[in-house]
């Protein structure tokens, strides 16, 4: 995901997880429980799920 799209990637997970396993969703839920507005998006180019948060220009 590009910074131009306004999101920062926290973690990447391969799309080929075992059936019934949702590691990206579990990771995002844990971040949301800590107060971060994490969401999961699919990066088709790399065939991976990305956990992202809005990028407010912080470095």
Protein backbone atom coordinates (compact mmCIF):
# COMPACT_ATOMS: atom_id res chain seq x y z
CA UNK A 1 0.00 0.00 0.00
CA UNK A 2 1.40 3.34 -0.93
CA UNK A 3 1.75 6.25 1.43
CA UNK A 4 -0.16 8.29 -1.15
CA UNK A 5 -3.22 6.23 -0.32
CA UNK A 6 -3.04 7.56 3.25
CA UNK A 7 -2.32 4.32 5.10
CA UNK A 8 0.63 2.83 6.97
CA UNK A 9 1.19 -0.94 6.78
CA UNK A 10 1.65 -2.51 10.21
CA UNK A 11 1.99 -6.13 9.12
CA UNK A 12 1.70 -8.44 6.07
CA UNK A 13 0.21 -11.92 6.01
CA UNK A 14 0.32 -14.36 3.06
CA UNK A 15 -3.09 -15.03 1.55
CA UNK A 16 -2.55 -18.81 1.67
CA UNK A 17 -3.38 -19.37 5.35
CA UNK A 18 -5.02 -22.67 6.28
CA UNK A 19 -8.79 -22.82 5.96
CA UNK A 20 -10.45 -21.28 9.01
CA UNK A 21 -7.32 -19.32 9.96
CA UNK A 22 -7.52 -15.52 9.81
CA UNK A 23 -4.19 -14.23 11.18
CA UNK A 24 -4.53 -10.78 9.59
CA UNK A 25 -7.99 -10.28 11.10
CA UNK A 26 -6.79 -11.50 14.49
CA UNK A 27 -3.79 -9.15 14.39
CA UNK A 28 -6.00 -6.21 13.38
CA UNK A 29 -8.49 -7.03 16.17
CA UNK A 30 -5.65 -7.01 18.71
CA UNK A 31 -4.47 -3.61 17.44
CA UNK A 32 -8.04 -2.25 17.64
CA UNK A 33 -8.26 -3.52 21.24
CA UNK A 34 -5.17 -1.37 21.92
CA UNK A 35 -6.89 1.67 20.41
CA UNK A 36 -5.40 1.68 16.89
CA UNK A 37 -7.91 1.95 14.01
CA UNK A 38 -6.46 -1.08 12.19
CA UNK A 39 -8.15 -2.58 9.15
CA UNK A 40 -7.31 -5.42 6.78
CA UNK A 41 -6.95 -4.92 3.04
CA UNK A 42 -5.96 -7.31 0.26
CA UNK A 43 -2.91 -6.51 -1.84
CA UNK A 44 -3.62 -8.41 -5.04
CA UNK A 45 -0.20 -7.67 -6.52
CA UNK A 46 1.65 -9.44 -3.68
CA UNK A 47 -1.20 -11.88 -2.84
CA UNK A 48 -1.12 -10.82 0.80
CA UNK A 49 -3.40 -9.34 3.42
CA UNK A 50 -2.13 -6.07 4.88
CA UNK A 51 -3.06 -4.69 8.28
CA UNK A 52 -3.11 -0.92 7.87
CA UNK A 53 -3.82 2.21 9.91
CA UNK A 54 -4.45 5.72 8.64
CA UNK A 55 -1.19 7.61 8.03
CA UNK A 56 -1.30 11.10 9.43
CA UNK A 57 2.16 12.00 8.19
CA UNK A 58 3.87 10.84 11.40
CA UNK A 59 7.32 9.30 11.06
